[in-house]
Amino acid sequence: MSDFPILDPQQVAAATAQPGLVLLDFWQATCAPCRALEPRLAELAHQHPGTFDGYRIDVDADPRTVDAFDVMSIPTVVLLRDGHEVARLDGLIRPEDLHAMIADATSPGDADAG
Protein backbone atom coordinates (compact mmCIF):
# COMPACT_ATOMS: atom_id res chain seq x y z
CA MET A 1 0.00 0.00 0.00
CA SER A 2 1.36 3.36 -1.03
CA ASP A 3 1.22 6.49 1.11
CA PHE A 4 1.24 8.44 -2.15
CA PRO A 5 -1.29 7.11 -4.66
CA ILE A 6 -0.73 8.02 -8.31
CA LEU A 7 -3.37 10.48 -9.46
CA ASP A 8 -5.12 10.08 -12.78
CA PRO A 9 -5.10 13.37 -14.71
CA GLN A 10 -8.83 13.84 -14.04
CA GLN A 11 -8.25 13.55 -10.25
CA VAL A 12 -5.62 16.30 -10.02
CA ALA A 13 -7.95 19.32 -9.80
CA ALA A 14 -9.94 17.86 -6.90
CA ALA A 15 -6.81 16.69 -5.04
CA THR A 16 -4.98 20.01 -5.37
CA ALA A 17 -8.04 22.04 -4.35
CA GLN A 18 -8.33 20.29 -0.97
CA PRO A 19 -8.05 22.48 2.11
CA GLY A 20 -4.87 22.14 4.14
CA LEU A 21 -1.54 20.78 2.96
CA VAL A 22 -1.18 18.62 -0.14
CA LEU A 23 2.18 17.25 -1.22
CA LEU A 24 2.65 16.34 -4.89
CA ASP A 25 5.51 14.05 -5.90
CA PHE A 26 6.26 14.43 -9.62
CA TRP A 27 7.55 10.98 -10.43
CA GLN A 28 8.48 8.52 -13.19
CA ALA A 29 8.67 4.74 -12.80
CA THR A 30 12.06 4.49 -14.55
CA CYS A 31 13.65 7.37 -12.60
CA ALA A 32 16.16 6.00 -10.07
CA PRO A 33 16.24 9.21 -7.96
CA CYS A 34 12.41 9.12 -7.89
CA ARG A 35 12.46 5.55 -6.57
CA ALA A 36 15.12 6.53 -4.01
CA LEU A 37 12.81 9.31 -2.77
CA GLU A 38 9.87 6.95 -2.15
CA PRO A 39 11.01 5.64 1.27
CA ARG A 40 11.86 9.20 2.37
CA LEU A 41 8.35 10.35 1.51
CA ALA A 42 6.84 7.33 3.27
CA GLU A 43 8.90 8.15 6.37
CA LEU A 44 7.77 11.78 6.18
CA ALA A 45 4.12 10.73 6.05
CA HIS A 46 4.58 8.38 9.03
CA GLN A 47 6.40 11.01 11.11
CA HIS A 48 3.80 13.70 10.36
CA PRO A 49 0.50 11.77 10.43
CA GLY A 50 -2.53 13.76 9.40
CA THR A 51 -0.43 16.82 8.51
CA PHE A 52 -0.73 16.54 4.72
CA ASP A 53 -2.20 14.41 1.95
CA GLY A 54 0.38 13.07 -0.48
CA TYR A 55 -0.03 12.11 -4.12
CA ARG A 56 2.18 11.18 -7.04
CA ILE A 57 1.93 12.64 -10.51
CA ASP A 58 3.25 10.31 -13.23
CA VAL A 59 5.10 12.71 -15.52
CA ASP A 60 4.69 10.39 -18.52
CA ALA A 61 0.93 9.94 -18.08
CA ASP A 62 0.09 13.54 -17.16
CA PRO A 63 2.19 16.10 -19.07
CA ARG A 64 -0.56 18.72 -18.68
CA THR A 65 -0.16 18.78 -14.88
CA VAL A 66 3.64 18.79 -15.26
CA ASP A 67 3.30 21.91 -17.42
CA ALA A 68 0.75 23.53 -15.11
CA PHE A 69 3.18 23.25 -12.18
CA ASP A 70 6.18 24.23 -14.31
CA VAL A 71 8.10 21.09 -13.36
CA MET A 72 11.43 21.07 -15.18
CA SER A 73 13.13 18.03 -13.62
CA ILE A 74 12.29 14.97 -11.58
CA PRO A 75 11.96 14.24 -8.82
CA THR A 76 10.15 17.41 -7.86
CA VAL A 77 8.04 17.75 -4.73
CA VAL A 78 5.50 20.58 -4.53
CA LEU A 79 3.73 21.48 -1.28
CA LEU A 80 0.38 23.24 -1.56
CA ARG A 81 -1.64 24.95 1.17
CA ASP A 82 -5.30 25.46 0.30
CA GLY A 83 -4.47 25.00 -3.38
CA HIS A 84 -1.54 27.43 -3.50
CA GLU A 85 2.13 26.45 -3.75
CA VAL A 86 4.07 27.20 -0.55
CA ALA A 87 7.25 25.16 -1.12
CA ARG A 88 9.12 23.18 -3.76
CA LEU A 89 12.09 20.82 -3.71
CA ASP A 90 13.75 19.14 -6.66
CA GLY A 91 16.79 17.09 -7.55
CA LEU A 92 18.53 15.28 -4.72
CA ILE A 93 15.97 15.71 -1.93
CA ARG A 94 17.29 14.89 1.54
CA PRO A 95 15.06 13.74 4.40
CA GLU A 96 15.99 16.84 6.41
CA ASP A 97 14.83 19.05 3.51
CA LEU A 98 11.44 17.33 3.49
CA HIS A 99 11.03 17.67 7.26
CA ALA A 100 12.05 21.35 7.16
CA MET A 101 9.54 22.01 4.40
CA ILE A 102 6.70 20.51 6.47
CA ALA A 103 7.89 22.26 9.65
CA ASP A 104 7.98 25.62 7.89
CA ALA A 105 4.50 25.10 6.43
CA THR A 106 3.00 24.09 9.78
CA SER A 107 4.79 26.53 12.09
CA PRO A 108 2.45 28.69 14.20
CA GLY A 109 1.99 32.17 12.82
CA ASP A 110 3.33 31.23 9.39
CA ALA A 111 0.20 32.36 7.54
CA ASP A 112 -0.21 35.62 9.45
CA ALA A 113 3.41 36.64 9.97
CA GLY A 114 4.28 40.23 9.19
C-alpha atoms as a PDB file:
ATOM      1  CA  MET A   1       0.000   0.000   0.000  1.00  0.00           C
ATOM      2  CA  SER A   2       1.359   3.364  -1.025  1.00  0.00           C
ATOM      3  CA  ASP A   3       1.222   6.487   1.114  1.00  0.00           C
ATOM      4  CA  PHE A   4       1.241   8.443  -2.152  1.00  0.00           C
ATOM      5  CA  PRO A   5      -1.286   7.114  -4.660  1.00  0.00           C
ATOM      6  CA  ILE A   6      -0.733   8.020  -8.308  1.00  0.00           C
ATOM      7  CA  LEU A   7      -3.374  10.481  -9.463  1.00  0.00           C
ATOM      8  CA  ASP A   8      -5.118  10.077 -12.779  1.00  0.00           C
ATOM      9  CA  PRO A   9      -5.103  13.368 -14.713  1.00  0.00           C
ATOM     10  CA  GLN A  10      -8.833  13.844 -14.039  1.00  0.00           C
ATOM     11  CA  GLN A  11      -8.248  13.554 -10.253  1.00  0.00           C
ATOM     12  CA  VAL A  12      -5.620  16.300 -10.018  1.00  0.00           C
ATOM     13  CA  ALA A  13      -7.950  19.319  -9.800  1.00  0.00           C
ATOM     14  CA  ALA A  14      -9.939  17.862  -6.899  1.00  0.00           C
ATOM     15  CA  ALA A  15      -6.810  16.691  -5.042  1.00  0.00           C
ATOM     16  CA  THR A  16      -4.984  20.006  -5.367  1.00  0.00           C
ATOM     17  CA  ALA A  17      -8.041  22.045  -4.350  1.00  0.00           C
ATOM     18  CA  GLN A  18      -8.325  20.287  -0.975  1.00  0.00           C
ATOM     19  CA  PRO A  19      -8.054  22.485   2.105  1.00  0.00           C
ATOM     20  CA  GLY A  20      -4.874  22.142   4.138  1.00  0.00           C
ATOM     21  CA  LEU A  21      -1.538  20.780   2.964  1.00  0.00           C
ATOM     22  CA  VAL A  22      -1.182  18.624  -0.139  1.00  0.00           C
ATOM     23  CA  LEU A  23       2.185  17.247  -1.217  1.00  0.00           C
ATOM     24  CA  LEU A  24       2.652  16.336  -4.889  1.00  0.00           C
ATOM     25  CA  ASP A  25       5.514  14.053  -5.903  1.00  0.00           C
ATOM     26  CA  PHE A  26       6.262  14.432  -9.622  1.00  0.00           C
ATOM     27  CA  TRP A  27       7.546  10.980 -10.429  1.00  0.00           C
ATOM     28  CA  GLN A  28       8.481   8.523 -13.192  1.00  0.00           C
ATOM     29  CA  ALA A  29       8.669   4.743 -12.796  1.00  0.00           C
ATOM     30  CA  THR A  30      12.061   4.488 -14.548  1.00  0.00           C
ATOM     31  CA  CYS A  31      13.647   7.368 -12.600  1.00  0.00           C
ATOM     32  CA  ALA A  32      16.163   6.004 -10.074  1.00  0.00           C
ATOM     33  CA  PRO A  33      16.236   9.207  -7.958  1.00  0.00           C
ATOM     34  CA  CYS A  34      12.410   9.120  -7.889  1.00  0.00           C
ATOM     35  CA  ARG A  35      12.463   5.554  -6.570  1.00  0.00           C
ATOM     36  CA  ALA A  36      15.117   6.535  -4.005  1.00  0.00           C
ATOM     37  CA  LEU A  37      12.813   9.314  -2.771  1.00  0.00           C
ATOM     38  CA  GLU A  38       9.870   6.953  -2.147  1.00  0.00           C
ATOM     39  CA  PRO A  39      11.009   5.638   1.270  1.00  0.00           C
ATOM     40  CA  ARG A  40      11.855   9.197   2.370  1.00  0.00           C
ATOM     41  CA  LEU A  41       8.353  10.349   1.513  1.00  0.00           C
ATOM     42  CA  ALA A  42       6.839   7.333   3.267  1.00  0.00           C
ATOM     43  CA  GLU A  43       8.903   8.145   6.369  1.00  0.00           C
ATOM     44  CA  LEU A  44       7.771  11.778   6.182  1.00  0.00           C
ATOM     45  CA  ALA A  45       4.118  10.725   6.053  1.00  0.00           C
ATOM     46  CA  HIS A  46       4.581   8.383   9.030  1.00  0.00           C
ATOM     47  CA  GLN A  47       6.404  11.014  11.106  1.00  0.00           C
ATOM     48  CA  HIS A  48       3.797  13.705  10.360  1.00  0.00           C
ATOM     49  CA  PRO A  49       0.504  11.767  10.427  1.00  0.00           C
ATOM     50  CA  GLY A  50      -2.529  13.760   9.398  1.00  0.00           C
ATOM     51  CA  THR A  51      -0.430  16.816   8.506  1.00  0.00           C
ATOM     52  CA  PHE A  52      -0.728  16.536   4.721  1.00  0.00           C
ATOM     53  CA  ASP A  53      -2.200  14.410   1.949  1.00  0.00           C
ATOM     54  CA  GLY A  54       0.381  13.069  -0.483  1.00  0.00           C
ATOM     55  CA  TYR A  55      -0.026  12.105  -4.118  1.00  0.00           C
ATOM     56  CA  ARG A  56       2.176  11.177  -7.044  1.00  0.00           C
ATOM     57  CA  ILE A  57       1.933  12.643 -10.508  1.00  0.00           C
ATOM     58  CA  ASP A  58       3.246  10.308 -13.228  1.00  0.00           C
ATOM     59  CA  VAL A  59       5.095  12.711 -15.521  1.00  0.00           C
ATOM     60  CA  ASP A  60       4.694  10.386 -18.518  1.00  0.00           C
ATOM     61  CA  ALA A  61       0.929   9.937 -18.079  1.00  0.00           C
ATOM     62  CA  ASP A  62       0.092  13.538 -17.162  1.00  0.00           C
ATOM     63  CA  PRO A  63       2.187  16.102 -19.074  1.00  0.00           C
ATOM     64  CA  ARG A  64      -0.562  18.722 -18.685  1.00  0.00           C
ATOM     65  CA  THR A  65      -0.156  18.775 -14.879  1.00  0.00           C
ATOM     66  CA  VAL A  66       3.635  18.790 -15.257  1.00  0.00           C
ATOM     67  CA  ASP A  67       3.302  21.908 -17.422  1.00  0.00           C
ATOM     68  CA  ALA A  68       0.747  23.525 -15.108  1.00  0.00           C
ATOM     69  CA  PHE A  69       3.182  23.245 -12.177  1.00  0.00           C
ATOM     70  CA  ASP A  70       6.178  24.232 -14.313  1.00  0.00           C
ATOM     71  CA  VAL A  71       8.104  21.085 -13.359  1.00  0.00           C
ATOM     72  CA  MET A  72      11.433  21.074 -15.184  1.00  0.00           C
ATOM     73  CA  SER A  73      13.127  18.029 -13.622  1.00  0.00           C
ATOM     74  CA  ILE A  74      12.291  14.972 -11.577  1.00  0.00           C
ATOM     75  CA  PRO A  75      11.956  14.237  -8.821  1.00  0.00           C
ATOM     76  CA  THR A  76      10.153  17.415  -7.865  1.00  0.00           C
ATOM     77  CA  VAL A  77       8.038  17.751  -4.730  1.00  0.00           C
ATOM     78  CA  VAL A  78       5.505  20.581  -4.535  1.00  0.00           C
ATOM     79  CA  LEU A  79       3.731  21.479  -1.285  1.00  0.00           C
ATOM     80  CA  LEU A  80       0.379  23.244  -1.557  1.00  0.00           C
ATOM     81  CA  ARG A  81      -1.638  24.954   1.170  1.00  0.00           C
ATOM     82  CA  ASP A  82      -5.303  25.460   0.300  1.00  0.00           C
ATOM     83  CA  GLY A  83      -4.470  24.996  -3.381  1.00  0.00           C
ATOM     84  CA  HIS A  84      -1.535  27.430  -3.502  1.00  0.00           C
ATOM     85  CA  GLU A  85       2.129  26.452  -3.754  1.00  0.00           C
ATOM     86  CA  VAL A  86       4.069  27.204  -0.553  1.00  0.00           C
ATOM     87  CA  ALA A  87       7.246  25.159  -1.122  1.00  0.00           C
ATOM     88  CA  ARG A  88       9.116  23.177  -3.761  1.00  0.00           C
ATOM     89  CA  LEU A  89      12.090  20.822  -3.708  1.00  0.00           C
ATOM     90  CA  ASP A  90      13.754  19.137  -6.658  1.00  0.00           C
ATOM     91  CA  GLY A  91      16.788  17.089  -7.555  1.00  0.00           C
ATOM     92  CA  LEU A  92      18.526  15.276  -4.719  1.00  0.00           C
ATOM     93  CA  ILE A  93      15.972  15.710  -1.930  1.00  0.00           C
ATOM     94  CA  ARG A  94      17.285  14.893   1.536  1.00  0.00           C
ATOM     95  CA  PRO A  95      15.057  13.739   4.403  1.00  0.00           C
ATOM     96  CA  GLU A  96      15.990  16.840   6.413  1.00  0.00           C
ATOM     97  CA  ASP A  97      14.829  19.053   3.513  1.00  0.00           C
ATOM     98  CA  LEU A  98      11.439  17.335   3.492  1.00  0.00           C
ATOM     99  CA  HIS A  99      11.031  17.672   7.261  1.00  0.00           C
ATOM    100  CA  ALA A 100      12.054  21.346   7.161  1.00  0.00           C
ATOM    101  CA  MET A 101       9.538  22.007   4.399  1.00  0.00           C
ATOM    102  CA  ILE A 102       6.702  20.506   6.473  1.00  0.00           C
ATOM    103  CA  ALA A 103       7.888  22.255   9.652  1.00  0.00           C
ATOM    104  CA  ASP A 104       7.978  25.624   7.889  1.00  0.00           C
ATOM    105  CA  ALA A 105       4.498  25.102   6.435  1.00  0.00           C
ATOM    106  CA  THR A 106       3.000  24.094   9.782  1.00  0.00           C
ATOM    107  CA  SER A 107       4.787  26.533  12.093  1.00  0.00           C
ATOM    108  CA  PRO A 108       2.451  28.689  14.196  1.00  0.00           C
ATOM    109  CA  GLY A 109       1.986  32.172  12.820  1.00  0.00           C
ATOM    110  CA  ASP A 110       3.332  31.232   9.387  1.00  0.00           C
ATOM    111  CA  ALA A 111       0.202  32.362   7.543  1.00  0.00           C
ATOM    112  CA  ASP A 112      -0.212  35.624   9.454  1.00  0.00           C
ATOM    113  CA  ALA A 113       3.412  36.643   9.972  1.00  0.00           C
ATOM    114  CA  GLY A 114       4.281  40.229   9.185  1.00  0.00           C
END
